[in-house]
Amino acid sequence: MVEAVVTSVLEEALKQASERIAKKITEGKRLTSTDVIILLLDQMNRRMEAMNESLNRRIDDLNSSLNKRIDDINKRIDDTNKRIDEIKEDLRSLHQEVSSIKSDIMALMREKLKTG
């Protein structure tokens, strides 16, 4: 919080100083070493802001891309879980069917043994 306030104050100070120096230039006055340093600092600050904005855009793009990939992976996991559930149900049905057939075969064998 304090850092943001200090940064904001420094940016405003650089802006005002740069405007004062620009006025000095338009009036044809000579620049002092301090004026040149202030202009350099202002330029560096502007470049840092541009780099920061660019970096933030890249981070946002990366974040969006990662979120999309995570959503896609989650969808694939959900689809896989659904298929697993379907396979489980098919196996239950198959097991019941095999048990029924087994019971039928055993009953037929008992009858054969009794009549045979």
PDB file of N, CA and C in Angstrom:
ATOM      1  N   MET A   1       0.829  -1.189   0.000  1.00  0.00           N
ATOM      2  CA  MET A   1       0.000   0.000   0.000  1.00  0.00           C
ATOM      3  C   MET A   1       0.873   1.251   0.000  1.00  0.00           C
ATOM      4  N   VAL A   2       1.838   1.310   0.927  1.00  0.00           N
ATOM      5  CA  VAL A   2       2.735   2.462   1.021  1.00  0.00           C
ATOM      6  C   VAL A   2       3.557   2.572  -0.257  1.00  0.00           C
ATOM      7  N   GLU A   3       3.977   1.407  -0.788  1.00  0.00           N
ATOM      8  CA  GLU A   3       4.780   1.391  -2.011  1.00  0.00           C
ATOM      9  C   GLU A   3       4.003   1.996  -3.179  1.00  0.00           C
ATOM     10  N   ALA A   4       2.715   1.682  -3.265  1.00  0.00           N
ATOM     11  CA  ALA A   4       1.879   2.209  -4.350  1.00  0.00           C
ATOM     12  C   ALA A   4       1.741   3.729  -4.225  1.00  0.00           C
ATOM     13  N   VAL A   5       1.593   4.201  -3.001  1.00  0.00           N
ATOM     14  CA  VAL A   5       1.454   5.645  -2.777  1.00  0.00           C
ATOM     15  C   VAL A   5       2.758   6.350  -3.140  1.00  0.00           C
ATOM     16  N   VAL A   6       3.870   5.794  -2.696  1.00  0.00           N
ATOM     17  CA  VAL A   6       5.178   6.396  -2.995  1.00  0.00           C
ATOM     18  C   VAL A   6       5.410   6.419  -4.502  1.00  0.00           C
ATOM     19  N   THR A   7       5.100   5.283  -5.164  1.00  0.00           N
ATOM     20  CA  THR A   7       5.268   5.204  -6.617  1.00  0.00           C
ATOM     21  C   THR A   7       4.404   6.242  -7.309  1.00  0.00           C
ATOM     22  N   SER A   8       3.168   6.380  -6.862  1.00  0.00           N
ATOM     23  CA  SER A   8       2.251   7.353  -7.459  1.00  0.00           C
ATOM     24  C   SER A   8       2.765   8.778  -7.275  1.00  0.00           C
ATOM     25  N   VAL A   9       3.260   9.074  -6.103  1.00  0.00           N
ATOM     26  CA  VAL A   9       3.797  10.423  -5.824  1.00  0.00           C
ATOM     27  C   VAL A   9       5.016  10.687  -6.699  1.00  0.00           C
ATOM     28  N   LEU A  10       5.905   9.679  -6.807  1.00  0.00           N
ATOM     29  CA  LEU A  10       7.100   9.859  -7.637  1.00  0.00           C
ATOM     30  C   LEU A  10       6.726  10.047  -9.112  1.00  0.00           C
ATOM     31  N   GLU A  11       5.760   9.287  -9.586  1.00  0.00           N
ATOM     32  CA  GLU A  11       5.335   9.429 -10.984  1.00  0.00           C
ATOM     33  C   GLU A  11       4.786  10.834 -11.233  1.00  0.00           C
ATOM     34  N   GLU A  12       3.982  11.318 -10.299  1.00  0.00           N
ATOM     35  CA  GLU A  12       3.413  12.655 -10.443  1.00  0.00           C
ATOM     36  C   GLU A  12       4.515  13.717 -10.396  1.00  0.00           C
ATOM     37  N   ALA A  13       5.483  13.533  -9.522  1.00  0.00           N
ATOM     38  CA  ALA A  13       6.597  14.485  -9.416  1.00  0.00           C
ATOM     39  C   ALA A  13       7.395  14.497 -10.724  1.00  0.00           C
ATOM     40  N   LEU A  14       7.671  13.307 -11.276  1.00  0.00           N
ATOM     41  CA  LEU A  14       8.397  13.226 -12.551  1.00  0.00           C
ATOM     42  C   LEU A  14       7.599  13.899 -13.666  1.00  0.00           C
ATOM     43  N   LYS A  15       6.299  13.665 -13.671  1.00  0.00           N
ATOM     44  CA  LYS A  15       5.453  14.261 -14.710  1.00  0.00           C
ATOM     45  C   LYS A  15       5.503  15.787 -14.643  1.00  0.00           C
ATOM     46  N   GLN A  16       5.325  16.312 -13.452  1.00  0.00           N
ATOM     47  CA  GLN A  16       5.340  17.772 -13.295  1.00  0.00           C
ATOM     48  C   GLN A  16       6.712  18.350 -13.629  1.00  0.00           C
ATOM     49  N   ALA A  17       7.760  17.674 -13.196  1.00  0.00           N
ATOM     50  CA  ALA A  17       9.111  18.158 -13.481  1.00  0.00           C
ATOM     51  C   ALA A  17       9.384  18.116 -14.985  1.00  0.00           C
ATOM     52  N   SER A  18       8.913  17.051 -15.642  1.00  0.00           N
ATOM     53  CA  SER A  18       9.107  16.934 -17.094  1.00  0.00           C
ATOM     54  C   SER A  18       8.355  18.027 -17.831  1.00  0.00           C
ATOM     55  N   GLU A  19       7.155  18.352 -17.364  1.00  0.00           N
ATOM     56  CA  GLU A  19       6.387  19.438 -17.986  1.00  0.00           C
ATOM     57  C   GLU A  19       7.110  20.781 -17.804  1.00  0.00           C
ATOM     58  N   ARG A  20       7.665  20.978 -16.625  1.00  0.00           N
ATOM     59  CA  ARG A  20       8.414  22.214 -16.351  1.00  0.00           C
ATOM     60  C   ARG A  20       9.645  22.295 -17.259  1.00  0.00           C
ATOM     61  N   ILE A  21      10.315  21.150 -17.439  1.00  0.00           N
ATOM     62  CA  ILE A  21      11.514  21.118 -18.289  1.00  0.00           C
ATOM     63  C   ILE A  21      11.127  21.327 -19.756  1.00  0.00           C
ATOM     64  N   ALA A  22       9.999  20.741 -20.170  1.00  0.00           N
ATOM     65  CA  ALA A  22       9.536  20.934 -21.549  1.00  0.00           C
ATOM     66  C   ALA A  22       9.250  22.415 -21.803  1.00  0.00           C
ATOM     67  N   LYS A  23       8.652  23.081 -20.819  1.00  0.00           N
ATOM     68  CA  LYS A  23       8.385  24.521 -20.950  1.00  0.00           C
ATOM     69  C   LYS A  23       9.700  25.296 -21.061  1.00  0.00           C
ATOM     70  N   LYS A  24      10.658  24.861 -20.281  1.00  0.00           N
ATOM     71  CA  LYS A  24      11.983  25.491 -20.298  1.00  0.00           C
ATOM     72  C   LYS A  24      12.614  25.343 -21.689  1.00  0.00           C
ATOM     73  N   ILE A  25      12.447  24.154 -22.294  1.00  0.00           N
ATOM     74  CA  ILE A  25      13.006  23.904 -23.631  1.00  0.00           C
ATOM     75  C   ILE A  25      12.327  24.793 -24.668  1.00  0.00           C
ATOM     76  N   THR A  26      10.974  24.897 -24.568  1.00  0.00           N
ATOM     77  CA  THR A  26      10.250  25.719 -25.550  1.00  0.00           C
ATOM     78  C   THR A  26      10.616  27.200 -25.431  1.00  0.00           C
ATOM     79  N   GLU A  27      11.035  27.587 -24.251  1.00  0.00           N
ATOM     80  CA  GLU A  27      11.452  28.987 -24.054  1.00  0.00           C
ATOM     81  C   GLU A  27      12.908  29.201 -24.475  1.00  0.00           C
ATOM     82  N   GLY A  28      13.571  28.114 -24.889  1.00  0.00           N
ATOM     83  CA  GLY A  28      14.940  28.225 -25.359  1.00  0.00           C
ATOM     84  C   GLY A  28      15.968  28.304 -24.238  1.00  0.00           C
ATOM     85  N   LYS A  29      15.572  27.962 -23.023  1.00  0.00           N
ATOM     86  CA  LYS A  29      16.510  28.009 -21.895  1.00  0.00           C
ATOM     87  C   LYS A  29      17.387  26.766 -21.894  1.00  0.00           C
ATOM     88  N   ARG A  30      18.534  26.892 -21.268  1.00  0.00           N
ATOM     89  CA  ARG A  30      19.476  25.762 -21.157  1.00  0.00           C
ATOM     90  C   ARG A  30      19.006  24.808 -20.075  1.00  0.00           C
ATOM     91  N   LEU A  31      19.291  23.524 -20.299  1.00  0.00           N
ATOM     92  CA  LEU A  31      18.939  22.505 -19.308  1.00  0.00           C
ATOM     93  C   LEU A  31      20.123  22.260 -18.378  1.00  0.00           C
ATOM     94  N   THR A  32      19.794  22.076 -17.125  1.00  0.00           N
ATOM     95  CA  THR A  32      20.829  21.729 -16.154  1.00  0.00           C
ATOM     96  C   THR A  32      21.019  20.214 -16.170  1.00  0.00           C
ATOM     97  N   SER A  33      22.078  19.766 -15.516  1.00  0.00           N
ATOM     98  CA  SER A  33      22.323  18.321 -15.396  1.00  0.00           C
ATOM     99  C   SER A  33      21.142  17.651 -14.696  1.00  0.00           C
ATOM    100  N   THR A  34      20.595  18.318 -13.711  1.00  0.00           N
ATOM    101  CA  THR A  34      19.441  17.782 -12.978  1.00  0.00           C
ATOM    102  C   THR A  34      18.242  17.632 -13.909  1.00  0.00           C
ATOM    103  N   ASP A  35      18.043  18.618 -14.783  1.00  0.00           N
ATOM    104  CA  ASP A  35      16.941  18.547 -15.745  1.00  0.00           C
ATOM    105  C   ASP A  35      17.094  17.314 -16.636  1.00  0.00           C
ATOM    106  N   VAL A  36      18.299  17.085 -17.107  1.00  0.00           N
ATOM    107  CA  VAL A  36      18.562  15.942 -17.993  1.00  0.00           C
ATOM    108  C   VAL A  36      18.319  14.633 -17.238  1.00  0.00           C
ATOM    109  N   ILE A  37      18.777  14.584 -15.994  1.00  0.00           N
ATOM    110  CA  ILE A  37      18.573  13.373 -15.184  1.00  0.00           C
ATOM    111  C   ILE A  37      17.084  13.132 -14.956  1.00  0.00           C
ATOM    112  N   ILE A  38      16.351  14.194 -14.680  1.00  0.00           N
ATOM    113  CA  ILE A  38      14.898  14.056 -14.483  1.00  0.00           C
ATOM    114  C   ILE A  38      14.238  13.546 -15.755  1.00  0.00           C
ATOM    115  N   LEU A  39      14.643  14.069 -16.910  1.00  0.00           N
ATOM    116  CA  LEU A  39      14.080  13.587 -18.174  1.00  0.00           C
ATOM    117  C   LEU A  39      14.399  12.109 -18.395  1.00  0.00           C
ATOM    118  N   LEU A  40      15.640  11.721 -18.064  1.00  0.00           N
ATOM    119  CA  LEU A  40      16.029  10.309 -18.189  1.00  0.00           C
ATOM    120  C   LEU A  40      15.214   9.428 -17.242  1.00  0.00           C
ATOM    121  N   LEU A  41      15.043   9.882 -16.026  1.00  0.00           N
ATOM    122  CA  LEU A  41      14.240   9.122 -15.054  1.00  0.00           C
ATOM    123  C   LEU A  41      12.795   8.983 -15.527  1.00  0.00           C
ATOM    124  N   ASP A  42      12.269  10.069 -16.069  1.00  0.00           N
ATOM    125  CA  ASP A  42      10.893  10.034 -16.582  1.00  0.00           C
ATOM    126  C   ASP A  42      10.781   9.027 -17.732  1.00  0.00           C
ATOM    127  N   GLN A  43      11.756   9.052 -18.614  1.00  0.00           N
ATOM    128  CA  GLN A  43      11.764   8.111 -19.749  1.00  0.00           C
ATOM    129  C   GLN A  43      11.873   6.669 -19.251  1.00  0.00           C
ATOM    130  N   MET A  44      12.754   6.437 -18.278  1.00  0.00           N
ATOM    131  CA  MET A  44      12.904   5.090 -17.715  1.00  0.00           C
ATOM    132  C   MET A  44      11.598   4.640 -17.057  1.00  0.00           C
ATOM    133  N   ASN A  45      10.967   5.557 -16.352  1.00  0.00           N
ATOM    134  CA  ASN A  45       9.701   5.234 -15.691  1.00  0.00           C
ATOM    135  C   ASN A  45       8.635   4.852 -16.711  1.00  0.00           C
ATOM    136  N   ARG A  46       8.569   5.605 -17.813  1.00  0.00           N
ATOM    137  CA  ARG A  46       7.588   5.296 -18.865  1.00  0.00           C
ATOM    138  C   ARG A  46       7.852   3.917 -19.473  1.00  0.00           C
ATOM    139  N   ARG A  47       9.115   3.626 -19.704  1.00  0.00           N
ATOM    140  CA  ARG A  47       9.466   2.310 -20.262  1.00  0.00           C
ATOM    141  C   ARG A  47       9.125   1.189 -19.292  1.00  0.00           C
ATOM    142  N   MET A  48       9.388   1.434 -18.013  1.00  0.00           N
ATOM    143  CA  MET A  48       9.053   0.421 -16.999  1.00  0.00           C
ATOM    144  C   MET A  48       7.540   0.194 -16.957  1.00  0.00           C
ATOM    145  N   GLU A  49       6.781   1.268 -17.047  1.00  0.00           N
ATOM    146  CA  GLU A  49       5.319   1.129 -17.063  1.00  0.00           C
ATOM    147  C   GLU A  49       4.873   0.322 -18.276  1.00  0.00           C
ATOM    148  N   ALA A  50       5.462   0.604 -19.428  1.00  0.00           N
ATOM    149  CA  ALA A  50       5.110  -0.130 -20.648  1.00  0.00           C
ATOM    150  C   ALA A  50       5.474  -1.608 -20.505  1.00  0.00           C
ATOM    151  N   MET A  51       6.648  -1.870 -19.944  1.00  0.00           N
ATOM    152  CA  MET A  51       7.061  -3.263 -19.734  1.00  0.00           C
ATOM    153  C   MET A  51       6.121  -3.958 -18.749  1.00  0.00           C
ATOM    154  N   ASN A  52       5.739  -3.240 -17.715  1.00  0.00           N
ATOM    155  CA  ASN A  52       4.830  -3.796 -16.712  1.00  0.00           C
ATOM    156  C   ASN A  52       3.473  -4.121 -17.334  1.00  0.00           C
ATOM    157  N   GLU A  53       2.957  -3.210 -18.149  1.00  0.00           N
ATOM    158  CA  GLU A  53       1.674  -3.453 -18.827  1.00  0.00           C
ATOM    159  C   GLU A  53       1.785  -4.648 -19.768  1.00  0.00           C
ATOM    160  N   SER A  54       2.884  -4.713 -20.503  1.00  0.00           N
ATOM    161  CA  SER A  54       3.100  -5.835 -21.413  1.00  0.00           C
ATOM    162  C   SER A  54       3.178  -7.153 -20.644  1.00  0.00           C
ATOM    163  N   LEU A  55       3.894  -7.144 -19.554  1.00  0.00           N
ATOM    164  CA  LEU A  55       4.019  -8.337 -18.727  1.00  0.00           C
ATOM    165  C   LEU A  55       2.663  -8.746 -18.153  1.00  0.00           C
ATOM    166  N   ASN A  56       1.898  -7.772 -17.695  1.00  0.00           N
ATOM    167  CA  ASN A  56       0.565  -8.077 -17.155  1.00  0.00           C
ATOM    168  C   ASN A  56      -0.340  -8.677 -18.228  1.00  0.00           C
ATOM    169  N   ARG A  57      -0.248  -8.152 -19.456  1.00  0.00           N
ATOM    170  CA  ARG A  57      -1.051  -8.716 -20.557  1.00  0.00           C
ATOM    171  C   ARG A  57      -0.637 -10.156 -20.823  1.00  0.00           C
ATOM    172  N   ARG A  58       0.667 -10.397 -20.841  1.00  0.00           N
ATOM    173  CA  ARG A  58       1.164 -11.761 -21.075  1.00  0.00           C
ATOM    174  C   ARG A  58       0.715 -12.703 -19.966  1.00  0.00           C
ATOM    175  N   ILE A  59       0.764 -12.223 -18.732  1.00  0.00           N
ATOM    176  CA  ILE A  59       0.315 -13.048 -17.603  1.00  0.00           C
ATOM    177  C   ILE A  59      -1.181 -13.342 -17.736  1.00  0.00           C
ATOM    178  N   ASP A  60      -1.963 -12.330 -18.088  1.00  0.00           N
ATOM    179  CA  ASP A  60      -3.401 -12.535 -18.269  1.00  0.00           C
ATOM    180  C   ASP A  60      -3.675 -13.528 -19.392  1.00  0.00           C
ATOM    181  N   ASP A  61      -2.940 -13.401 -20.499  1.00  0.00           N
ATOM    182  CA  ASP A  61      -3.106 -14.336 -21.613  1.00  0.00           C
ATOM    183  C   ASP A  61      -2.753 -15.760 -21.200  1.00  0.00           C
ATOM    184  N   LEU A  62      -1.656 -15.879 -20.482  1.00  0.00           N
ATOM    185  CA  LEU A  62      -1.232 -17.195 -20.003  1.00  0.00           C
ATOM    186  C   LEU A  62      -2.260 -17.777 -19.040  1.00  0.00           C
ATOM    187  N   ASN A  63      -2.762 -16.930 -18.160  1.00  0.00           N
ATOM    188  CA  ASN A  63      -3.784 -17.363 -17.206  1.00  0.00           C
ATOM    189  C   ASN A  63      -5.030 -17.854 -17.936  1.00  0.00           C
ATOM    190  N   SER A  64      -5.460 -17.102 -18.938  1.00  0.00           N
ATOM    191  CA  SER A  64      -6.631 -17.516 -19.723  1.00  0.00           C
ATOM    192  C   SER A  64      -6.379 -18.839 -20.428  1.00  0.00           C
ATOM    193  N   SER A  65      -5.201 -18.960 -20.997  1.00  0.00           N
ATOM    194  CA  SER A  65      -4.841 -20.186 -21.699  1.00  0.00           C
ATOM    195  C   SER A  65      -4.824 -21.375 -20.745  1.00  0.00           C
ATOM    196  N   LEU A  66      -4.224 -21.181 -19.580  1.00  0.00           N
ATOM    197  CA  LEU A  66      -4.179 -22.258 -18.593  1.00  0.00           C
ATOM    198  C   LEU A  66      -5.574 -22.627 -18.099  1.00  0.00           C
ATOM    199  N   ASN A  67      -6.402 -21.615 -17.868  1.00  0.00           N
ATOM    200  CA  ASN A  67      -7.777 -21.891 -17.428  1.00  0.00           C
ATOM    201  C   ASN A  67      -8.540 -22.687 -18.478  1.00  0.00           C
ATOM    202  N   LYS A  68      -8.328 -22.337 -19.749  1.00  0.00           N
ATOM    203  CA  LYS A  68      -9.003 -23.068 -20.828  1.00  0.00           C
ATOM    204  C   LYS A  68      -8.515 -24.516 -20.862  1.00  0.00           C
ATOM    205  N   ARG A  69      -7.209 -24.702 -20.739  1.00  0.00           N
ATOM    206  CA  ARG A  69      -6.659 -26.066 -20.747  1.00  0.00           C
ATOM    207  C   ARG A  69      -7.165 -26.864 -19.555  1.00  0.00           C
ATOM    208  N   ILE A  70      -7.245 -26.222 -18.395  1.00  0.00           N
ATOM    209  CA  ILE A  70      -7.760 -26.906 -17.208  1.00  0.00           C
ATOM    210  C   ILE A  70      -9.219 -27.288 -17.417  1.00  0.00           C
ATOM    211  N   ASP A  71     -10.003 -26.375 -18.000  1.00  0.00           N
ATOM    212  CA  ASP A  71     -11.403 -26.686 -18.287  1.00  0.00           C
ATOM    213  C   ASP A  71     -11.513 -27.855 -19.257  1.00  0.00           C
ATOM    214  N   ASP A  72     -10.662 -27.853 -20.286  1.00  0.00           N
ATOM    215  CA  ASP A  72     -10.668 -28.962 -21.252  1.00  0.00           C
ATOM    216  C   ASP A  72     -10.304 -30.282 -20.579  1.00  0.00           C
ATOM    217  N   ILE A  73      -9.289 -30.242 -19.725  1.00  0.00           N
ATOM    218  CA  ILE A  73      -8.875 -31.460 -19.023  1.00  0.00           C
ATOM    219  C   ILE A  73      -9.984 -31.940 -18.091  1.00  0.00           C
ATOM    220  N   ASN A  74     -10.615 -31.003 -17.390  1.00  0.00           N
ATOM    221  CA  ASN A  74     -11.723 -31.384 -16.502  1.00  0.00           C
ATOM    222  C   ASN A  74     -12.869 -32.016 -17.283  1.00  0.00           C
ATOM    223  N   LYS A  75     -13.140 -31.488 -18.473  1.00  0.00           N
ATOM    224  CA  LYS A  75     -14.197 -32.069 -19.319  1.00  0.00           C
ATOM    225  C   LYS A  75     -13.807 -33.486 -19.727  1.00  0.00           C
ATOM    226  N   ARG A  76     -12.537 -33.661 -20.105  1.00  0.00           N
ATOM    227  CA  ARG A  76     -12.078 -35.006 -20.485  1.00  0.00           C
ATOM    228  C   ARG A  76     -12.169 -35.964 -19.308  1.00  0.00           C
ATOM    229  N   ILE A  77     -11.832 -35.492 -18.124  1.00  0.00           N
ATOM    230  CA  ILE A  77     -11.937 -36.338 -16.930  1.00  0.00           C
ATOM    231  C   ILE A  77     -13.397 -36.707 -16.679  1.00  0.00           C
ATOM    232  N   ASP A  78     -14.291 -35.722 -16.801  1.00  0.00           N
ATOM    233  CA  ASP A  78     -15.723 -36.001 -16.616  1.00  0.00           C
ATOM    234  C   ASP A  78     -16.218 -37.020 -17.637  1.00  0.00           C
ATOM    235  N   ASP A  79     -15.791 -36.851 -18.895  1.00  0.00           N
ATOM    236  CA  ASP A  79     -16.187 -37.805 -19.942  1.00  0.00           C
ATOM    237  C   ASP A  79     -15.648 -39.204 -19.638  1.00  0.00           C
ATOM    238  N   THR A  80     -14.408 -39.265 -19.186  1.00  0.00           N
ATOM    239  CA  THR A  80     -13.804 -40.556 -18.839  1.00  0.00           C
ATOM    240  C   THR A  80     -14.547 -41.202 -17.668  1.00  0.00           C
ATOM    241  N   ASN A  81     -14.876 -40.407 -16.662  1.00  0.00           N
ATOM    242  CA  ASN A  81     -15.630 -40.934 -15.521  1.00  0.00           C
ATOM    243  C   ASN A  81     -17.001 -41.454 -15.955  1.00  0.00           C
ATOM    244  N   LYS A  82     -17.625 -40.747 -16.876  1.00  0.00           N
ATOM    245  CA  LYS A  82     -18.928 -41.193 -17.385  1.00  0.00           C
ATOM    246  C   LYS A  82     -18.777 -42.539 -18.101  1.00  0.00           C
ATOM    247  N   ARG A  83     -17.730 -42.659 -18.924  1.00  0.00           N
ATOM    248  CA  ARG A  83     -17.495 -43.935 -19.625  1.00  0.00           C
ATOM    249  C   ARG A  83     -17.203 -45.058 -18.636  1.00  0.00           C
ATOM    250  N   ILE A  84     -16.440 -44.753 -17.595  1.00  0.00           N
ATOM    251  CA  ILE A  84     -16.147 -45.761 -16.564  1.00  0.00           C
ATOM    252  C   ILE A  84     -17.440 -46.206 -15.893  1.00  0.00           C
ATOM    253  N   ASP A  85     -18.308 -45.242 -15.576  1.00  0.00           N
ATOM    254  CA  ASP A  85     -19.595 -45.592 -14.963  1.00  0.00           C
ATOM    255  C   ASP A  85     -20.434 -46.468 -15.888  1.00  0.00           C
ATOM    256  N   GLU A  86     -20.416 -46.146 -17.188  1.00  0.00           N
ATOM    257  CA  GLU A  86     -21.154 -46.957 -18.161  1.00  0.00           C
ATOM    258  C   GLU A  86     -20.582 -48.371 -18.237  1.00  0.00           C
ATOM    259  N   ILE A  87     -19.255 -48.483 -18.213  1.00  0.00           N
ATOM    260  CA  ILE A  87     -18.614 -49.800 -18.256  1.00  0.00           C
ATOM    261  C   ILE A  87     -18.958 -50.594 -16.998  1.00  0.00           C
ATOM    262  N   LYS A  88     -18.964 -49.923 -15.846  1.00  0.00           N
ATOM    263  CA  LYS A  88     -19.353 -50.590 -14.598  1.00  0.00           C
ATOM    264  C   LYS A  88     -20.772 -51.148 -14.706  1.00  0.00           C
ATOM    265  N   GLU A  89     -21.654 -50.338 -15.233  1.00  0.00           N
ATOM    266  CA  GLU A  89     -23.057 -50.782 -15.378  1.00  0.00           C
ATOM    267  C   GLU A  89     -23.136 -51.956 -16.348  1.00  0.00           C
ATOM    268  N   ASP A  90     -22.381 -51.882 -17.449  1.00  0.00           N
ATOM    269  CA  ASP A  90     -22.356 -53.001 -18.400  1.00  0.00           C
ATOM    270  C   ASP A  90     -21.831 -54.264 -17.726  1.00  0.00           C
ATOM    271  N   LEU A  91     -20.794 -54.134 -16.903  1.00  0.00           N
ATOM    272  CA  LEU A  91     -20.235 -55.292 -16.195  1.00  0.00           C
ATOM    273  C   LEU A  91     -21.236 -55.874 -15.198  1.00  0.00           C
ATOM    274  N   ARG A  92     -21.972 -55.014 -14.503  1.00  0.00           N
ATOM    275  CA  ARG A  92     -23.009 -55.500 -13.583  1.00  0.00           C
ATOM    276  C   ARG A  92     -24.063 -56.303 -14.344  1.00  0.00           C
ATOM    277  N   SER A  93     -24.501 -55.728 -15.465  1.00  0.00           N
ATOM    278  CA  SER A  93     -25.509 -56.420 -16.282  1.00  0.00           C
ATOM    279  C   SER A  93     -24.965 -57.748 -16.793  1.00  0.00           C
ATOM    280  N   LEU A  94     -23.724 -57.733 -17.257  1.00  0.00           N
ATOM    281  CA  LEU A  94     -23.104 -58.956 -17.763  1.00  0.00           C
ATOM    282  C   LEU A  94     -22.975 -59.995 -16.650  1.00  0.00           C
ATOM    283  N   HIS A  95     -22.589 -59.537 -15.473  1.00  0.00           N
ATOM    284  CA  HIS A  95     -22.474 -60.453 -14.333  1.00  0.00           C
ATOM    285  C   HIS A  95     -23.836 -61.074 -13.995  1.00  0.00           C
ATOM    286  N   GLN A  96     -24.866 -60.266 -13.992  1.00  0.00           N
ATOM    287  CA  GLN A  96     -26.205 -60.792 -13.722  1.00  0.00           C
ATOM    288  C   GLN A  96     -26.621 -61.801 -14.788  1.00  0.00           C
ATOM    289  N   GLU A  97     -26.314 -61.471 -16.023  1.00  0.00           N
ATOM    290  CA  GLU A  97     -26.656 -62.364 -17.124  1.00  0.00           C
ATOM    291  C   GLU A  97     -25.915 -63.701 -17.001  1.00  0.00           C
ATOM    292  N   VAL A  98     -24.613 -63.635 -16.718  1.00  0.00           N
ATOM    293  CA  VAL A  98     -23.814 -64.848 -16.548  1.00  0.00           C
ATOM    294  C   VAL A  98     -24.331 -65.660 -15.362  1.00  0.00           C
ATOM    295  N   SER A  99     -24.664 -64.985 -14.275  1.00  0.00           N
ATOM    296  CA  SER A  99     -25.213 -65.691 -13.112  1.00  0.00           C
ATOM    297  C   SER A  99     -26.526 -66.369 -13.457  1.00  0.00           C
ATOM    298  N   SER A 100     -27.347 -65.690 -14.214  1.00  0.00           N
ATOM    299  CA  SER A 100     -28.631 -66.268 -14.627  1.00  0.00           C
ATOM    300  C   SER A 100     -28.410 -67.495 -15.517  1.00  0.00           C
ATOM    301  N   ILE A 101     -27.488 -67.357 -16.472  1.00  0.00           N
ATOM    302  CA  ILE A 101     -27.176 -68.484 -17.370  1.00  0.00           C
ATOM    303  C   ILE A 101     -26.608 -69.644 -16.560  1.00  0.00           C
ATOM    304  N   LYS A 102     -25.740 -69.330 -15.621  1.00  0.00           N
ATOM    305  CA  LYS A 102     -25.143 -70.367 -14.763  1.00  0.00           C
ATOM    306  C   LYS A 102     -26.234 -71.100 -13.992  1.00  0.00           C
ATOM    307  N   SER A 103     -27.167 -70.326 -13.437  1.00  0.00           N
ATOM    308  CA  SER A 103     -28.272 -70.943 -12.694  1.00  0.00           C
ATOM    309  C   SER A 103     -29.108 -71.829 -13.601  1.00  0.00           C
ATOM    310  N   ASP A 104     -29.369 -71.351 -14.829  1.00  0.00           N
ATOM    311  CA  ASP A 104     -30.146 -72.131 -15.794  1.00  0.00           C
ATOM    312  C   ASP A 104     -29.422 -73.423 -16.159  1.00  0.00           C
ATOM    313  N   ILE A 105     -28.117 -73.337 -16.403  1.00  0.00           N
ATOM    314  CA  ILE A 105     -27.330 -74.524 -16.757  1.00  0.00           C
ATOM    315  C   ILE A 105     -27.325 -75.519 -15.595  1.00  0.00           C
ATOM    316  N   MET A 106     -27.169 -75.032 -14.397  1.00  0.00           N
ATOM    317  CA  MET A 106     -27.168 -75.921 -13.224  1.00  0.00           C
ATOM    318  C   MET A 106     -28.522 -76.603 -13.069  1.00  0.00           C
ATOM    319  N   ALA A 107     -29.584 -75.830 -13.292  1.00  0.00           N
ATOM    320  CA  ALA A 107     -30.927 -76.415 -13.192  1.00  0.00           C
ATOM    321  C   ALA A 107     -31.117 -77.483 -14.267  1.00  0.00           C
ATOM    322  N   LEU A 108     -30.645 -77.204 -15.497  1.00  0.00           N
ATOM    323  CA  LEU A 108     -30.760 -78.191 -16.582  1.00  0.00           C
ATOM    324  C   LEU A 108     -29.936 -79.440 -16.271  1.00  0.00           C
ATOM    325  N   MET A 109     -28.756 -79.252 -15.710  1.00  0.00           N
ATOM    326  CA  MET A 109     -27.903 -80.409 -15.362  1.00  0.00           C
ATOM    327  C   MET A 109     -28.547 -81.252 -14.269  1.00  0.00           C
ATOM    328  N   ARG A 110     -29.187 -80.601 -13.272  1.00  0.00           N
ATOM    329  CA  ARG A 110     -29.887 -81.337 -12.223  1.00  0.00           C
ATOM    330  C   ARG A 110     -31.006 -82.184 -12.814  1.00  0.00           C
ATOM    331  N   GLU A 111     -31.739 -81.551 -13.744  1.00  0.00           N
ATOM    332  CA  GLU A 111     -32.834 -82.288 -14.370  1.00  0.00           C
ATOM    333  C   GLU A 111     -32.305 -83.463 -15.177  1.00  0.00           C
ATOM    334  N   LYS A 112     -31.222 -83.252 -15.900  1.00  0.00           N
ATOM    335  CA  LYS A 112     -30.616 -84.330 -16.691  1.00  0.00           C
ATOM    336  C   LYS A 112     -30.168 -85.481 -15.799  1.00  0.00           C
ATOM    337  N   LEU A 113     -29.581 -85.103 -14.644  1.00  0.00           N
ATOM    338  CA  LEU A 113     -29.080 -86.125 -13.720  1.00  0.00           C
ATOM    339  C   LEU A 113     -30.261 -86.907 -13.100  1.00  0.00           C
ATOM    340  N   LYS A 114     -31.374 -86.237 -12.843  1.00  0.00           N
ATOM    341  CA  LYS A 114     -32.535 -86.886 -12.260  1.00  0.00           C
ATOM    342  C   LYS A 114     -33.199 -87.795 -13.284  1.00  0.00           C
ATOM    343  N   THR A 115     -33.270 -87.367 -14.524  1.00  0.00           N
ATOM    344  CA  THR A 115     -33.948 -88.135 -15.557  1.00  0.00           C
ATOM    345  C   THR A 115     -33.010 -89.071 -16.269  1.00  0.00           C
ATOM    346  N   GLY A 116     -31.824 -88.916 -16.131  1.00  0.00           N
ATOM    347  CA  GLY A 116     -30.850 -89.616 -16.929  1.00  0.00           C
ATOM    348  C   GLY A 116     -30.283 -90.822 -16.397  1.00  0.00           C
TER     349      GLY A 116
END
